[in-house]
């Protein structure tokens, strides 16, 4: 996975840049909001990137702010929101503004983006509310965040393998993180999640 690229800005337009790094030119799609802050051609540029792989294409998406990249990754997990639509969303609002819209249930603003209907916007509010806060994407200190994110994903996958729905598993893991800050061990997350499911906090499979 290509997570970050730093190199010489060789080409730029409102939707895409070309960065030369290590003798390779990377075409990277960017949100429109990032264009005005790009450096001059020939200057150094660093972007936080996400590689989207499909059967017919591989595309790199880049963001100057790591929070926007994290928000992008949350968005593309929502059913009906692909990388292009997620990029369009982040072209019109920052990660913090997106989080505020989600927390405020502002379906009208979210559905104002081409490709997002009201039902998809409502689904975004439900699925992302536990993942974003109104100050921006939920952040943890770098090392703790890396460990917690890895443990959380593994715990969610384990719950899904047991028959729980992805949304239900994600909601329960997010709740455990809020109630047990700093908890990163996959086994403990699963144990606490199953205990919560059993008491009815998260529902059954």
N, C-alpha and C. Protein backbone atom coordinates (compact mmCIF):
# COMPACT_ATOMS: atom_id res chain seq x y z
N UNK A 1 0.84 -1.19 0.00
CA UNK A 1 0.00 0.00 0.00
C UNK A 1 0.88 1.24 0.00
N UNK A 2 0.56 2.19 -0.86
CA UNK A 2 1.29 3.46 -0.93
C UNK A 2 0.58 4.44 -0.01
N UNK A 3 1.18 4.77 1.13
CA UNK A 3 0.51 5.60 2.12
C UNK A 3 0.89 7.06 2.09
N UNK A 4 2.06 7.38 1.51
CA UNK A 4 2.49 8.77 1.45
C UNK A 4 3.52 8.92 0.34
N UNK A 5 3.46 10.01 -0.37
CA UNK A 5 4.41 10.28 -1.46
C UNK A 5 4.94 11.70 -1.31
N UNK A 6 6.26 11.81 -1.41
CA UNK A 6 6.90 13.13 -1.38
C UNK A 6 7.86 13.21 -2.55
N UNK A 7 7.75 14.27 -3.32
CA UNK A 7 8.62 14.42 -4.47
C UNK A 7 8.38 15.75 -5.15
N UNK A 8 8.89 15.86 -6.37
CA UNK A 8 8.78 17.10 -7.14
C UNK A 8 7.43 17.18 -7.85
N UNK A 9 6.76 18.30 -7.68
CA UNK A 9 5.49 18.52 -8.38
C UNK A 9 5.79 18.83 -9.85
N UNK A 10 5.45 17.90 -10.74
CA UNK A 10 5.77 18.05 -12.16
C UNK A 10 4.61 18.63 -12.96
N UNK A 11 3.38 18.28 -12.59
CA UNK A 11 2.20 18.80 -13.28
C UNK A 11 1.09 18.97 -12.25
N UNK A 12 0.20 19.93 -12.52
CA UNK A 12 -0.94 20.09 -11.63
C UNK A 12 -2.12 20.67 -12.39
N UNK A 13 -3.31 20.17 -12.01
CA UNK A 13 -4.57 20.75 -12.46
C UNK A 13 -5.56 20.58 -11.32
N UNK A 14 -6.73 21.17 -11.40
CA UNK A 14 -7.64 21.13 -10.25
C UNK A 14 -8.02 19.74 -9.76
N UNK A 15 -7.90 18.73 -10.61
CA UNK A 15 -8.34 17.40 -10.21
C UNK A 15 -7.21 16.40 -10.01
N UNK A 16 -6.01 16.72 -10.47
CA UNK A 16 -4.94 15.73 -10.45
C UNK A 16 -3.57 16.38 -10.47
N UNK A 17 -2.61 15.71 -9.84
CA UNK A 17 -1.22 16.17 -9.89
C UNK A 17 -0.34 15.02 -10.35
N UNK A 18 0.86 15.36 -10.80
CA UNK A 18 1.88 14.38 -11.13
C UNK A 18 3.09 14.68 -10.27
N UNK A 19 3.47 13.73 -9.43
CA UNK A 19 4.63 13.89 -8.55
C UNK A 19 5.74 12.94 -8.99
N UNK A 20 6.94 13.47 -9.15
CA UNK A 20 8.10 12.66 -9.48
C UNK A 20 8.82 12.29 -8.19
N UNK A 21 8.94 10.99 -7.93
CA UNK A 21 9.59 10.51 -6.71
C UNK A 21 10.36 9.25 -7.03
N UNK A 22 11.64 9.26 -6.76
CA UNK A 22 12.46 8.07 -7.00
C UNK A 22 12.48 7.63 -8.45
N UNK A 23 12.41 8.58 -9.37
CA UNK A 23 12.44 8.26 -10.79
C UNK A 23 11.11 7.79 -11.36
N UNK A 24 10.06 7.83 -10.55
CA UNK A 24 8.73 7.40 -10.99
C UNK A 24 7.76 8.58 -10.91
N UNK A 25 6.91 8.71 -11.91
CA UNK A 25 5.90 9.77 -11.90
C UNK A 25 4.56 9.20 -11.45
N UNK A 26 4.01 9.73 -10.35
CA UNK A 26 2.76 9.24 -9.80
C UNK A 26 1.62 10.21 -10.13
N UNK A 27 0.62 9.71 -10.85
CA UNK A 27 -0.57 10.51 -11.09
C UNK A 27 -1.51 10.32 -9.90
N UNK A 28 -1.88 11.42 -9.27
CA UNK A 28 -2.65 11.34 -8.03
C UNK A 28 -3.86 12.27 -8.13
N UNK A 29 -5.03 11.71 -7.90
CA UNK A 29 -6.24 12.53 -7.87
C UNK A 29 -6.32 13.26 -6.53
N UNK A 30 -6.71 14.52 -6.58
CA UNK A 30 -6.79 15.33 -5.36
C UNK A 30 -8.17 15.99 -5.28
N UNK A 31 -8.62 16.35 -4.07
CA UNK A 31 -9.86 17.12 -3.95
C UNK A 31 -9.66 18.52 -4.51
N UNK A 32 -10.70 19.10 -5.08
CA UNK A 32 -10.60 20.43 -5.66
C UNK A 32 -10.14 21.46 -4.63
N UNK A 33 -10.50 21.24 -3.38
CA UNK A 33 -10.15 22.18 -2.32
C UNK A 33 -8.64 22.26 -2.09
N UNK A 34 -7.89 21.27 -2.55
CA UNK A 34 -6.45 21.25 -2.32
C UNK A 34 -5.67 22.02 -3.38
N UNK A 35 -6.30 22.32 -4.50
CA UNK A 35 -5.57 22.88 -5.64
C UNK A 35 -4.94 24.24 -5.32
N UNK A 36 -5.68 25.12 -4.67
CA UNK A 36 -5.18 26.48 -4.42
C UNK A 36 -3.95 26.49 -3.51
N UNK A 37 -3.78 25.45 -2.71
CA UNK A 37 -2.65 25.42 -1.77
C UNK A 37 -1.45 24.65 -2.31
N UNK A 38 -1.52 24.20 -3.57
CA UNK A 38 -0.40 23.47 -4.14
C UNK A 38 0.79 24.41 -4.37
N UNK A 39 2.02 23.91 -4.21
CA UNK A 39 3.20 24.74 -4.49
C UNK A 39 3.38 24.92 -5.99
N UNK A 40 4.40 25.66 -6.36
CA UNK A 40 4.70 25.88 -7.77
C UNK A 40 5.28 24.62 -8.40
N UNK A 41 5.17 24.52 -9.72
CA UNK A 41 5.77 23.41 -10.46
C UNK A 41 7.28 23.40 -10.17
N UNK A 42 7.80 22.23 -9.88
CA UNK A 42 9.22 22.10 -9.57
C UNK A 42 9.51 22.08 -8.09
N UNK A 43 8.55 22.53 -7.26
CA UNK A 43 8.73 22.51 -5.82
C UNK A 43 8.36 21.14 -5.25
N UNK A 44 8.74 20.91 -4.02
CA UNK A 44 8.45 19.64 -3.37
C UNK A 44 7.02 19.62 -2.84
N UNK A 45 6.37 18.47 -2.97
CA UNK A 45 5.01 18.28 -2.49
C UNK A 45 4.91 16.92 -1.81
N UNK A 46 4.25 16.89 -0.67
CA UNK A 46 4.00 15.63 0.03
C UNK A 46 2.50 15.45 0.19
N UNK A 47 2.01 14.28 -0.17
CA UNK A 47 0.59 13.98 -0.04
C UNK A 47 0.40 12.66 0.72
N UNK A 48 -0.63 12.61 1.55
CA UNK A 48 -1.06 11.37 2.18
C UNK A 48 -1.95 10.66 1.16
N UNK A 49 -1.62 9.43 0.81
CA UNK A 49 -2.27 8.78 -0.31
C UNK A 49 -3.03 7.51 0.06
N UNK A 50 -4.00 7.20 -0.78
CA UNK A 50 -4.75 5.94 -0.67
C UNK A 50 -4.81 5.33 -2.06
N UNK A 51 -4.43 4.07 -2.16
CA UNK A 51 -4.47 3.35 -3.44
C UNK A 51 -5.77 2.57 -3.54
N UNK A 52 -6.59 2.93 -4.51
CA UNK A 52 -7.86 2.23 -4.75
C UNK A 52 -7.66 1.25 -5.90
N UNK A 53 -7.93 -0.01 -5.66
CA UNK A 53 -7.72 -1.06 -6.66
C UNK A 53 -9.05 -1.64 -7.10
N UNK A 54 -9.30 -1.57 -8.40
CA UNK A 54 -10.48 -2.20 -8.99
C UNK A 54 -10.02 -3.22 -10.02
N UNK A 55 -10.97 -3.96 -10.56
CA UNK A 55 -10.62 -4.96 -11.56
C UNK A 55 -10.01 -4.33 -12.80
N UNK A 56 -10.49 -3.12 -13.15
CA UNK A 56 -10.07 -2.50 -14.39
C UNK A 56 -9.13 -1.32 -14.22
N UNK A 57 -8.78 -0.97 -12.96
CA UNK A 57 -7.94 0.21 -12.77
C UNK A 57 -7.36 0.26 -11.36
N UNK A 58 -6.25 1.00 -11.24
CA UNK A 58 -5.67 1.33 -9.94
C UNK A 58 -5.50 2.85 -9.91
N UNK A 59 -6.03 3.48 -8.89
CA UNK A 59 -5.97 4.93 -8.81
C UNK A 59 -5.42 5.36 -7.45
N UNK A 60 -4.59 6.39 -7.49
CA UNK A 60 -4.07 6.99 -6.27
C UNK A 60 -4.85 8.26 -5.95
N UNK A 61 -5.26 8.39 -4.71
CA UNK A 61 -5.94 9.59 -4.24
C UNK A 61 -5.06 10.22 -3.17
N UNK A 62 -4.85 11.54 -3.26
CA UNK A 62 -3.94 12.19 -2.34
C UNK A 62 -4.54 13.37 -1.62
N UNK A 63 -4.04 13.61 -0.39
CA UNK A 63 -4.58 14.66 0.47
C UNK A 63 -3.43 15.33 1.23
N UNK A 64 -3.41 16.66 1.26
CA UNK A 64 -2.37 17.36 2.03
C UNK A 64 -2.51 17.11 3.53
N UNK A 65 -3.74 16.91 4.00
CA UNK A 65 -4.02 16.73 5.43
C UNK A 65 -4.37 15.27 5.70
N UNK A 66 -3.70 14.67 6.69
CA UNK A 66 -3.94 13.26 7.02
C UNK A 66 -5.38 13.02 7.47
N UNK A 67 -6.03 14.04 8.06
CA UNK A 67 -7.40 13.87 8.50
C UNK A 67 -8.34 13.68 7.32
N UNK A 68 -8.05 14.37 6.21
CA UNK A 68 -8.88 14.20 5.02
C UNK A 68 -8.73 12.79 4.44
N UNK A 69 -7.52 12.27 4.48
CA UNK A 69 -7.30 10.89 4.02
C UNK A 69 -8.08 9.92 4.89
N UNK A 70 -8.05 10.13 6.21
CA UNK A 70 -8.76 9.23 7.12
C UNK A 70 -10.27 9.32 6.87
N UNK A 71 -10.76 10.55 6.66
CA UNK A 71 -12.18 10.73 6.37
C UNK A 71 -12.55 10.02 5.06
N UNK A 72 -11.67 10.13 4.06
CA UNK A 72 -11.87 9.47 2.77
C UNK A 72 -12.03 7.96 2.96
N UNK A 73 -11.17 7.38 3.79
CA UNK A 73 -11.22 5.94 4.02
C UNK A 73 -12.49 5.52 4.75
N UNK A 74 -12.96 6.38 5.65
CA UNK A 74 -14.24 6.09 6.30
C UNK A 74 -15.38 6.15 5.29
N UNK A 75 -15.34 7.15 4.42
CA UNK A 75 -16.42 7.36 3.45
C UNK A 75 -16.56 6.17 2.50
N UNK A 76 -15.45 5.65 1.99
CA UNK A 76 -15.56 4.60 0.98
C UNK A 76 -16.01 3.27 1.57
N UNK A 77 -16.09 3.19 2.90
CA UNK A 77 -16.64 1.98 3.53
C UNK A 77 -18.16 2.01 3.57
N UNK A 78 -18.75 3.18 3.30
CA UNK A 78 -20.20 3.31 3.30
C UNK A 78 -20.75 2.77 1.99
N UNK A 79 -21.73 1.91 2.06
CA UNK A 79 -22.34 1.34 0.87
C UNK A 79 -22.89 2.45 -0.02
N UNK A 80 -22.49 2.44 -1.28
CA UNK A 80 -22.97 3.44 -2.23
C UNK A 80 -22.03 4.62 -2.39
N UNK A 81 -20.95 4.66 -1.61
CA UNK A 81 -19.98 5.76 -1.70
C UNK A 81 -18.64 5.20 -2.19
N UNK A 82 -18.33 5.45 -3.46
CA UNK A 82 -17.06 5.01 -4.01
C UNK A 82 -16.01 6.10 -3.88
N UNK A 83 -14.78 5.81 -4.33
CA UNK A 83 -13.69 6.79 -4.21
C UNK A 83 -13.98 8.12 -4.90
N UNK A 84 -14.58 8.10 -6.09
CA UNK A 84 -14.86 9.35 -6.80
C UNK A 84 -15.85 10.21 -6.03
N UNK A 85 -16.90 9.59 -5.48
CA UNK A 85 -17.90 10.33 -4.72
C UNK A 85 -17.29 10.85 -3.42
N UNK A 86 -16.47 10.03 -2.77
CA UNK A 86 -15.82 10.46 -1.53
C UNK A 86 -14.91 11.66 -1.81
N UNK A 87 -14.21 11.64 -2.94
CA UNK A 87 -13.35 12.75 -3.30
C UNK A 87 -14.17 14.01 -3.57
N UNK A 88 -15.33 13.83 -4.21
CA UNK A 88 -16.21 14.96 -4.47
C UNK A 88 -16.69 15.59 -3.17
N UNK A 89 -17.01 14.75 -2.19
CA UNK A 89 -17.43 15.25 -0.88
C UNK A 89 -16.33 16.09 -0.24
N UNK A 90 -15.11 15.59 -0.28
CA UNK A 90 -14.01 16.29 0.36
C UNK A 90 -13.49 17.44 -0.50
N UNK A 91 -14.03 17.59 -1.69
CA UNK A 91 -13.71 18.77 -2.51
C UNK A 91 -14.53 19.97 -2.05
N UNK A 92 -15.68 19.67 -1.43
CA UNK A 92 -16.56 20.74 -1.01
C UNK A 92 -16.54 21.02 0.48
N UNK A 93 -15.89 20.16 1.26
CA UNK A 93 -15.82 20.37 2.71
C UNK A 93 -14.60 19.67 3.28
N UNK A 94 -14.09 20.21 4.37
CA UNK A 94 -12.95 19.58 5.05
C UNK A 94 -13.42 18.39 5.87
N UNK A 95 -12.46 17.65 6.42
CA UNK A 95 -12.82 16.52 7.28
C UNK A 95 -13.63 17.01 8.47
N UNK A 96 -13.27 18.15 9.02
CA UNK A 96 -13.99 18.69 10.16
C UNK A 96 -15.42 19.08 9.80
N UNK A 97 -15.60 19.68 8.63
CA UNK A 97 -16.94 20.07 8.18
C UNK A 97 -17.79 18.84 7.88
N UNK A 98 -17.16 17.82 7.31
CA UNK A 98 -17.87 16.57 7.06
C UNK A 98 -18.35 15.97 8.37
N UNK A 99 -17.45 15.93 9.36
CA UNK A 99 -17.81 15.37 10.67
C UNK A 99 -18.95 16.15 11.30
N UNK A 100 -18.91 17.49 11.18
CA UNK A 100 -19.97 18.32 11.75
C UNK A 100 -21.30 18.03 11.07
N UNK A 101 -21.28 17.83 9.74
CA UNK A 101 -22.51 17.52 9.01
C UNK A 101 -23.06 16.16 9.43
N UNK A 102 -22.17 15.20 9.63
CA UNK A 102 -22.59 13.87 10.08
C UNK A 102 -23.18 13.94 11.48
N UNK A 103 -22.47 14.59 12.39
CA UNK A 103 -22.94 14.68 13.77
C UNK A 103 -24.25 15.46 13.87
N UNK A 104 -24.41 16.46 13.01
CA UNK A 104 -25.62 17.26 13.02
C UNK A 104 -26.76 16.67 12.21
N UNK A 105 -26.50 15.52 11.57
CA UNK A 105 -27.53 14.89 10.75
C UNK A 105 -27.95 15.76 9.58
N UNK A 106 -27.00 16.53 9.04
CA UNK A 106 -27.30 17.47 7.95
C UNK A 106 -27.38 16.72 6.62
N UNK A 107 -28.46 16.00 6.44
CA UNK A 107 -28.64 15.18 5.23
C UNK A 107 -28.69 16.05 3.98
N UNK A 108 -29.29 17.23 4.09
CA UNK A 108 -29.42 18.12 2.93
C UNK A 108 -28.05 18.51 2.37
N UNK A 109 -27.12 18.84 3.26
CA UNK A 109 -25.79 19.22 2.78
C UNK A 109 -25.06 18.04 2.17
N UNK A 110 -25.15 16.90 2.80
CA UNK A 110 -24.47 15.72 2.28
C UNK A 110 -25.04 15.28 0.94
N UNK A 111 -26.36 15.35 0.81
CA UNK A 111 -27.00 14.91 -0.44
C UNK A 111 -26.88 15.96 -1.54
N UNK A 112 -26.30 17.11 -1.22
CA UNK A 112 -26.09 18.13 -2.24
C UNK A 112 -24.92 17.82 -3.15
N UNK A 113 -24.15 16.82 -2.82
CA UNK A 113 -23.01 16.41 -3.64
C UNK A 113 -23.49 15.49 -4.76
N UNK A 114 -23.11 15.75 -6.02
CA UNK A 114 -23.53 14.88 -7.12
C UNK A 114 -23.18 13.42 -6.85
N UNK A 115 -24.15 12.54 -7.08
CA UNK A 115 -23.93 11.12 -6.87
C UNK A 115 -24.40 10.62 -5.52
N UNK A 116 -24.77 11.54 -4.63
CA UNK A 116 -25.25 11.15 -3.31
C UNK A 116 -26.72 11.51 -3.17
N UNK A 117 -27.56 10.48 -3.10
CA UNK A 117 -28.98 10.70 -2.88
C UNK A 117 -29.28 10.80 -1.41
N UNK A 118 -30.53 11.07 -1.10
CA UNK A 118 -30.91 11.24 0.29
C UNK A 118 -30.68 9.96 1.11
N UNK A 119 -31.00 8.80 0.54
CA UNK A 119 -30.83 7.56 1.28
C UNK A 119 -29.36 7.30 1.60
N UNK A 120 -28.49 7.58 0.63
CA UNK A 120 -27.06 7.39 0.87
C UNK A 120 -26.57 8.36 1.94
N UNK A 121 -27.05 9.59 1.90
CA UNK A 121 -26.67 10.58 2.91
C UNK A 121 -27.13 10.14 4.29
N UNK A 122 -28.34 9.62 4.38
CA UNK A 122 -28.84 9.13 5.67
C UNK A 122 -28.01 7.96 6.16
N UNK A 123 -27.59 7.09 5.24
CA UNK A 123 -26.75 5.95 5.61
C UNK A 123 -25.39 6.44 6.13
N UNK A 124 -24.85 7.49 5.51
CA UNK A 124 -23.59 8.05 5.95
C UNK A 124 -23.70 8.56 7.39
N UNK A 125 -24.80 9.24 7.69
CA UNK A 125 -24.99 9.76 9.05
C UNK A 125 -24.99 8.63 10.06
N UNK A 126 -25.70 7.55 9.75
CA UNK A 126 -25.81 6.42 10.67
C UNK A 126 -24.47 5.70 10.84
N UNK A 127 -23.79 5.43 9.72
CA UNK A 127 -22.59 4.61 9.78
C UNK A 127 -21.34 5.37 10.23
N UNK A 128 -21.32 6.69 10.03
CA UNK A 128 -20.12 7.46 10.35
C UNK A 128 -20.20 8.20 11.67
N UNK A 129 -21.36 8.23 12.27
CA UNK A 129 -21.52 9.03 13.49
C UNK A 129 -20.57 8.58 14.60
N UNK A 130 -20.33 7.28 14.71
CA UNK A 130 -19.43 6.77 15.74
C UNK A 130 -17.96 6.88 15.35
N UNK A 131 -17.68 7.23 14.10
CA UNK A 131 -16.30 7.28 13.63
C UNK A 131 -15.75 8.69 13.54
N UNK A 132 -16.64 9.68 13.52
CA UNK A 132 -16.23 11.07 13.39
C UNK A 132 -16.76 11.87 14.56
N UNK A 133 -16.04 12.94 14.93
CA UNK A 133 -16.59 13.85 15.91
C UNK A 133 -16.70 15.25 15.30
N UNK A 134 -17.38 16.18 15.97
CA UNK A 134 -17.65 17.47 15.35
C UNK A 134 -16.43 18.37 15.29
N UNK A 135 -15.29 17.90 15.79
CA UNK A 135 -14.06 18.67 15.65
C UNK A 135 -13.19 18.14 14.52
N UNK A 136 -13.62 17.09 13.87
CA UNK A 136 -12.85 16.46 12.81
C UNK A 136 -12.81 14.97 13.01
N UNK A 137 -12.01 14.31 12.22
CA UNK A 137 -11.88 12.87 12.33
C UNK A 137 -11.26 12.53 13.68
N UNK A 138 -11.82 11.52 14.35
CA UNK A 138 -11.30 11.12 15.65
C UNK A 138 -9.84 10.73 15.50
N UNK A 139 -9.00 11.34 16.32
CA UNK A 139 -7.56 11.10 16.25
C UNK A 139 -7.05 10.56 17.58
N UNK A 140 -6.05 9.71 17.53
CA UNK A 140 -5.33 9.25 18.71
C UNK A 140 -3.86 9.59 18.49
N UNK A 141 -3.03 9.63 19.54
CA UNK A 141 -1.60 9.81 19.32
C UNK A 141 -1.10 8.79 18.31
N UNK A 142 -0.08 9.16 17.56
CA UNK A 142 0.33 8.37 16.38
C UNK A 142 0.48 6.88 16.65
N UNK A 143 1.29 6.49 17.64
CA UNK A 143 1.54 5.07 17.88
C UNK A 143 0.29 4.38 18.41
N UNK A 144 -0.39 5.03 19.35
CA UNK A 144 -1.61 4.43 19.89
C UNK A 144 -2.66 4.32 18.81
N UNK A 145 -2.70 5.33 17.95
CA UNK A 145 -3.68 5.30 16.87
C UNK A 145 -3.43 4.17 15.89
N UNK A 146 -2.15 3.96 15.59
CA UNK A 146 -1.82 2.87 14.66
C UNK A 146 -2.21 1.53 15.23
N UNK A 147 -1.89 1.31 16.51
CA UNK A 147 -2.21 0.04 17.15
C UNK A 147 -3.71 -0.15 17.31
N UNK A 148 -4.40 0.91 17.73
CA UNK A 148 -5.84 0.82 17.94
C UNK A 148 -6.56 0.57 16.63
N UNK A 149 -6.11 1.25 15.56
CA UNK A 149 -6.75 1.07 14.27
C UNK A 149 -6.60 -0.37 13.79
N UNK A 150 -5.37 -0.92 13.93
CA UNK A 150 -5.13 -2.29 13.50
C UNK A 150 -5.96 -3.26 14.32
N UNK A 151 -5.95 -3.07 15.66
CA UNK A 151 -6.72 -3.95 16.52
C UNK A 151 -8.20 -3.85 16.26
N UNK A 152 -8.66 -2.62 16.00
CA UNK A 152 -10.09 -2.42 15.73
C UNK A 152 -10.55 -3.12 14.48
N UNK A 153 -9.75 -3.02 13.42
CA UNK A 153 -10.11 -3.68 12.16
C UNK A 153 -10.16 -5.20 12.33
N UNK A 154 -9.16 -5.73 13.02
CA UNK A 154 -9.12 -7.18 13.24
C UNK A 154 -10.31 -7.63 14.09
N UNK A 155 -10.66 -6.83 15.10
CA UNK A 155 -11.79 -7.17 15.95
C UNK A 155 -13.09 -7.13 15.17
N UNK A 156 -13.25 -6.11 14.33
CA UNK A 156 -14.45 -6.02 13.50
C UNK A 156 -14.55 -7.23 12.57
N UNK A 157 -13.44 -7.59 11.93
CA UNK A 157 -13.44 -8.74 11.02
C UNK A 157 -13.81 -10.02 11.77
N UNK A 158 -13.31 -10.15 13.00
CA UNK A 158 -13.61 -11.35 13.79
C UNK A 158 -15.10 -11.42 14.11
N UNK A 159 -15.69 -10.28 14.46
CA UNK A 159 -17.13 -10.25 14.77
C UNK A 159 -17.96 -10.58 13.53
N UNK A 160 -17.54 -10.05 12.39
CA UNK A 160 -18.26 -10.35 11.15
C UNK A 160 -18.18 -11.84 10.83
N UNK A 161 -17.01 -12.45 11.08
CA UNK A 161 -16.85 -13.89 10.81
C UNK A 161 -17.74 -14.73 11.72
N UNK A 162 -18.14 -14.14 12.85
CA UNK A 162 -19.03 -14.84 13.78
C UNK A 162 -20.50 -14.64 13.42
N UNK A 163 -20.75 -13.83 12.39
CA UNK A 163 -22.13 -13.67 11.94
C UNK A 163 -22.74 -12.31 12.20
N UNK A 164 -21.99 -11.40 12.85
CA UNK A 164 -22.52 -10.06 13.09
C UNK A 164 -22.36 -9.22 11.82
N UNK A 165 -23.25 -8.24 11.65
CA UNK A 165 -23.19 -7.37 10.49
C UNK A 165 -22.03 -6.39 10.66
N UNK A 166 -21.43 -5.97 9.51
CA UNK A 166 -20.28 -5.07 9.55
C UNK A 166 -20.61 -3.78 10.30
N UNK A 167 -21.75 -3.19 10.01
CA UNK A 167 -22.14 -1.94 10.68
C UNK A 167 -22.29 -2.14 12.18
N UNK A 168 -22.90 -3.27 12.55
CA UNK A 168 -23.12 -3.58 13.97
C UNK A 168 -21.78 -3.78 14.69
N UNK A 169 -20.86 -4.49 14.04
CA UNK A 169 -19.55 -4.73 14.63
C UNK A 169 -18.78 -3.42 14.77
N UNK A 170 -18.82 -2.59 13.74
CA UNK A 170 -18.11 -1.32 13.78
C UNK A 170 -18.65 -0.42 14.89
N UNK A 171 -19.96 -0.40 15.04
CA UNK A 171 -20.57 0.44 16.07
C UNK A 171 -20.16 -0.03 17.48
N UNK A 172 -20.13 -1.34 17.67
CA UNK A 172 -19.78 -1.88 18.97
C UNK A 172 -18.30 -1.59 19.30
N UNK A 173 -17.41 -1.78 18.32
CA UNK A 173 -15.99 -1.51 18.55
C UNK A 173 -15.78 -0.03 18.85
N UNK A 174 -16.49 0.84 18.13
CA UNK A 174 -16.37 2.28 18.38
C UNK A 174 -16.84 2.62 19.79
N UNK A 175 -17.90 1.96 20.23
CA UNK A 175 -18.42 2.21 21.59
C UNK A 175 -17.40 1.76 22.64
N UNK A 176 -16.78 0.62 22.41
CA UNK A 176 -15.79 0.11 23.36
C UNK A 176 -14.60 1.06 23.44
N UNK A 177 -14.20 1.60 22.30
CA UNK A 177 -13.08 2.54 22.31
C UNK A 177 -13.39 3.78 23.13
N UNK A 178 -14.66 4.23 23.03
CA UNK A 178 -15.04 5.40 23.81
C UNK A 178 -15.05 5.08 25.31
N UNK A 179 -15.57 3.90 25.65
CA UNK A 179 -15.70 3.52 27.05
C UNK A 179 -14.38 3.02 27.65
N UNK A 180 -13.49 2.55 26.79
CA UNK A 180 -12.20 2.03 27.27
C UNK A 180 -11.08 2.67 26.45
N UNK A 181 -10.84 3.97 26.61
CA UNK A 181 -9.81 4.67 25.83
C UNK A 181 -8.43 4.03 26.00
N UNK A 182 -7.73 3.93 24.88
CA UNK A 182 -6.40 3.35 24.93
C UNK A 182 -6.38 1.85 24.72
N UNK A 183 -7.55 1.23 24.69
CA UNK A 183 -7.63 -0.22 24.49
C UNK A 183 -7.31 -0.55 23.04
N UNK A 184 -6.25 -1.34 22.81
CA UNK A 184 -5.82 -1.62 21.44
C UNK A 184 -5.69 -3.10 21.14
N UNK A 185 -5.65 -3.95 22.17
CA UNK A 185 -5.46 -5.38 21.95
C UNK A 185 -6.69 -6.00 21.31
N UNK A 186 -6.49 -6.69 20.19
CA UNK A 186 -7.60 -7.29 19.45
C UNK A 186 -8.43 -8.23 20.32
N UNK A 187 -7.74 -9.08 21.09
CA UNK A 187 -8.45 -10.07 21.91
C UNK A 187 -9.36 -9.40 22.93
N UNK A 188 -8.88 -8.32 23.55
CA UNK A 188 -9.68 -7.62 24.55
C UNK A 188 -10.88 -6.92 23.91
N UNK A 189 -10.65 -6.36 22.73
CA UNK A 189 -11.75 -5.70 22.02
C UNK A 189 -12.85 -6.71 21.69
N UNK A 190 -12.45 -7.88 21.21
CA UNK A 190 -13.42 -8.93 20.87
C UNK A 190 -14.17 -9.39 22.11
N UNK A 191 -13.42 -9.61 23.21
CA UNK A 191 -14.04 -10.07 24.46
C UNK A 191 -15.08 -9.05 24.95
N UNK A 192 -14.70 -7.77 24.97
CA UNK A 192 -15.63 -6.74 25.43
C UNK A 192 -16.82 -6.60 24.48
N UNK A 193 -16.58 -6.76 23.18
CA UNK A 193 -17.65 -6.65 22.20
C UNK A 193 -18.67 -7.78 22.38
N UNK A 194 -18.18 -9.00 22.55
CA UNK A 194 -19.07 -10.13 22.73
C UNK A 194 -19.86 -10.01 24.03
N UNK A 195 -19.20 -9.46 25.05
CA UNK A 195 -19.91 -9.24 26.30
C UNK A 195 -21.02 -8.23 26.11
N UNK A 196 -20.72 -7.16 25.34
CA UNK A 196 -21.74 -6.16 25.07
C UNK A 196 -22.88 -6.71 24.24
N UNK A 197 -22.57 -7.53 23.25
CA UNK A 197 -23.59 -8.15 22.41
C UNK A 197 -24.50 -9.04 23.28
N UNK A 198 -23.88 -9.78 24.18
CA UNK A 198 -24.62 -10.73 25.00
C UNK A 198 -25.61 -10.02 25.93
N UNK A 199 -25.23 -8.81 26.36
CA UNK A 199 -26.12 -8.06 27.28
C UNK A 199 -27.14 -7.23 26.53
N UNK A 200 -27.09 -7.32 25.17
CA UNK A 200 -28.08 -6.61 24.39
C UNK A 200 -27.65 -5.22 23.96
N UNK A 201 -26.41 -4.82 24.29
CA UNK A 201 -25.95 -3.49 23.93
C UNK A 201 -25.77 -3.32 22.44
N UNK A 202 -25.47 -4.43 21.77
CA UNK A 202 -25.24 -4.30 20.33
C UNK A 202 -26.18 -5.14 19.50
N UNK A 203 -27.05 -5.86 20.12
CA UNK A 203 -27.97 -6.70 19.38
C UNK A 203 -27.35 -8.03 19.01
N UNK A 204 -28.10 -8.91 18.38
CA UNK A 204 -27.59 -10.23 18.02
C UNK A 204 -27.14 -10.28 16.59
N UNK A 205 -26.62 -11.41 16.15
CA UNK A 205 -26.15 -11.57 14.77
C UNK A 205 -27.29 -11.38 13.79
